[in-house]
Amino acid sequence: MSRLVIGLGFRDAAPAASIGEVVAAARAQGGDACAIAVPDDKASHAALRAAADAARLPIETISAEAMRCADANIATRSATIAKHRGVGSVCEAAALAAAGPGARLVVSRIVSADRSATAAAALSKEST
């Protein structure tokens, strides 16, 4: 059975509304998600927690190493993000890492209206 995971990237000052906006957009494009994936250092962010509660999705933490391993399969590249995080897109790398080996992006990076949050969605490889 496959699973759809929404990966998030966001600034420290991102409000819950902006995070919720990109989660909703990723769901609208990708389908019913089972979790939100974020870098492990962002998991306790209050706005993230509020948006995840509103979306009724659990938060999965992703290590920097797992995101770097997923980086080869991302679709979007930001030099600024690569400099600070070691990946071209935090949301895409988090989604792919959480969805597991063989996962593919089904929604590439979506940016909130205020540009403080991004989301992407990845679908795990169907196991047989």
Protein backbone atom coordinates (compact mmCIF):
# COMPACT_ATOMS: atom_id res chain seq x y z
CA MET A 1 0.00 0.00 0.00
CA SER A 2 1.35 3.44 -0.89
CA ARG A 3 1.37 6.47 1.37
CA LEU A 4 1.29 10.18 0.58
CA VAL A 5 3.40 12.47 2.75
CA ILE A 6 3.44 16.27 2.71
CA GLY A 7 6.88 17.77 3.29
CA LEU A 8 7.15 21.27 4.71
CA GLY A 9 9.74 23.99 4.80
CA PHE A 10 9.10 27.26 6.60
CA ARG A 11 10.74 30.29 8.12
CA ASP A 12 10.88 30.67 11.88
CA ALA A 13 8.43 33.57 11.64
CA ALA A 14 5.92 31.65 9.51
CA PRO A 15 2.39 31.87 10.91
CA ALA A 16 0.12 28.84 11.23
CA ALA A 17 -2.11 30.30 8.51
CA SER A 18 0.73 30.20 5.95
CA ILE A 19 1.71 26.67 6.88
CA GLY A 20 -1.93 25.61 6.73
CA GLU A 21 -2.29 27.30 3.34
CA VAL A 22 0.44 25.19 1.73
CA VAL A 23 -0.70 21.99 3.47
CA ALA A 24 -4.20 22.54 2.05
CA ALA A 25 -2.80 23.26 -1.42
CA ALA A 26 -0.64 20.11 -1.35
CA ARG A 27 -3.64 18.05 -0.28
CA ALA A 28 -5.79 19.57 -3.03
CA GLN A 29 -3.21 18.62 -5.66
CA GLY A 30 -1.85 15.38 -4.23
CA GLY A 31 -4.73 13.74 -2.39
CA ASP A 32 -5.26 12.41 1.08
CA ALA A 33 -2.00 12.61 3.04
CA CYS A 34 -1.12 10.48 6.03
CA ALA A 35 1.50 12.77 7.62
CA ILE A 36 3.46 16.02 7.53
CA ALA A 37 7.25 15.68 7.35
CA VAL A 38 9.63 18.37 8.60
CA PRO A 39 13.31 18.66 9.45
CA ASP A 40 13.84 17.45 13.00
CA ASP A 41 14.90 20.90 14.22
CA LYS A 42 11.52 22.39 13.21
CA ALA A 43 9.21 19.82 14.84
CA SER A 44 8.42 21.86 17.96
CA HIS A 45 7.54 25.08 16.08
CA ALA A 46 4.24 26.35 17.54
CA ALA A 47 2.76 27.42 14.19
CA LEU A 48 3.58 24.02 12.69
CA ARG A 49 1.89 22.24 15.58
CA ALA A 50 -1.20 24.43 15.21
CA ALA A 51 -1.39 23.83 11.45
CA ALA A 52 -0.87 20.07 11.86
CA ASP A 53 -3.60 19.91 14.52
CA ALA A 54 -5.98 21.85 12.26
CA ALA A 55 -5.18 19.52 9.36
CA ARG A 56 -5.46 16.48 11.65
CA LEU A 57 -2.13 15.13 10.47
CA PRO A 58 0.73 13.76 12.56
CA ILE A 59 4.19 15.30 12.29
CA GLU A 60 7.11 13.08 11.26
CA THR A 61 10.63 14.37 11.85
CA ILE A 62 13.29 13.88 9.22
CA SER A 63 17.03 14.00 9.87
CA ALA A 64 19.34 16.23 7.86
CA GLU A 65 21.11 13.10 6.61
CA ALA A 66 17.86 11.54 5.32
CA MET A 67 17.00 14.79 3.53
CA ARG A 68 20.46 14.90 1.90
CA CYS A 69 19.94 11.31 0.69
CA ALA A 70 16.62 12.31 -0.90
CA ASP A 71 18.09 15.45 -2.52
CA ALA A 72 19.01 13.64 -5.75
CA ASN A 73 15.29 13.18 -6.50
CA ILE A 74 13.98 16.68 -5.86
CA ALA A 75 12.58 18.85 -8.66
CA THR A 76 13.26 22.34 -7.29
CA ARG A 77 16.65 23.83 -6.45
CA SER A 78 17.34 26.95 -4.40
CA ALA A 79 20.97 27.96 -3.97
CA THR A 80 20.10 29.78 -0.76
CA ILE A 81 18.40 26.74 0.77
CA ALA A 82 21.24 24.49 -0.42
CA LYS A 83 23.75 26.77 1.33
CA HIS A 84 21.87 26.66 4.63
CA ARG A 85 20.31 23.19 4.59
CA GLY A 86 22.39 21.09 2.18
CA VAL A 87 19.38 20.33 -0.04
CA GLY A 88 17.82 22.22 -2.93
CA SER A 89 14.31 22.13 -1.44
CA VAL A 90 13.50 21.37 2.19
CA CYS A 91 9.85 20.50 1.56
CA GLU A 92 10.59 18.18 -1.35
CA ALA A 93 13.48 16.43 0.41
CA ALA A 94 11.43 15.99 3.60
CA ALA A 95 8.47 14.55 1.67
CA LEU A 96 10.64 12.11 -0.28
CA ALA A 97 12.62 11.01 2.78
CA ALA A 98 9.46 10.40 4.80
CA ALA A 99 7.72 8.51 1.99
CA GLY A 100 10.64 6.09 1.78
CA PRO A 101 12.84 4.38 -0.79
CA GLY A 102 11.55 4.65 -4.33
CA ALA A 103 9.15 7.49 -3.47
CA ARG A 104 8.32 10.04 -6.14
CA LEU A 105 7.17 13.64 -5.97
CA VAL A 106 3.54 14.09 -6.96
CA VAL A 107 3.41 17.77 -5.96
CA SER A 108 6.55 19.87 -6.34
CA ARG A 109 7.19 22.93 -4.22
CA ILE A 110 4.20 25.16 -3.47
CA VAL A 111 4.90 28.56 -1.88
CA SER A 112 2.56 30.40 0.50
CA ALA A 113 1.28 33.84 -0.47
CA ASP A 114 3.55 35.50 2.09
CA ARG A 115 6.49 33.32 0.97
CA SER A 116 7.13 32.04 4.51
CA ALA A 117 6.15 28.39 3.97
CA THR A 118 6.52 25.74 1.28
CA ALA A 119 5.03 22.30 0.80
CA ALA A 120 5.48 19.34 -1.52
CA ALA A 121 4.00 15.84 -1.57
CA ALA A 122 5.62 12.51 -2.22
CA LEU A 123 4.05 9.12 -2.78
CA SER A 124 5.76 5.99 -1.53
CA LYS A 125 6.53 3.19 -3.90
CA GLU A 126 3.74 0.66 -3.80
CA SER A 127 4.95 -2.51 -2.13
CA THR A 128 3.96 -5.87 -3.52
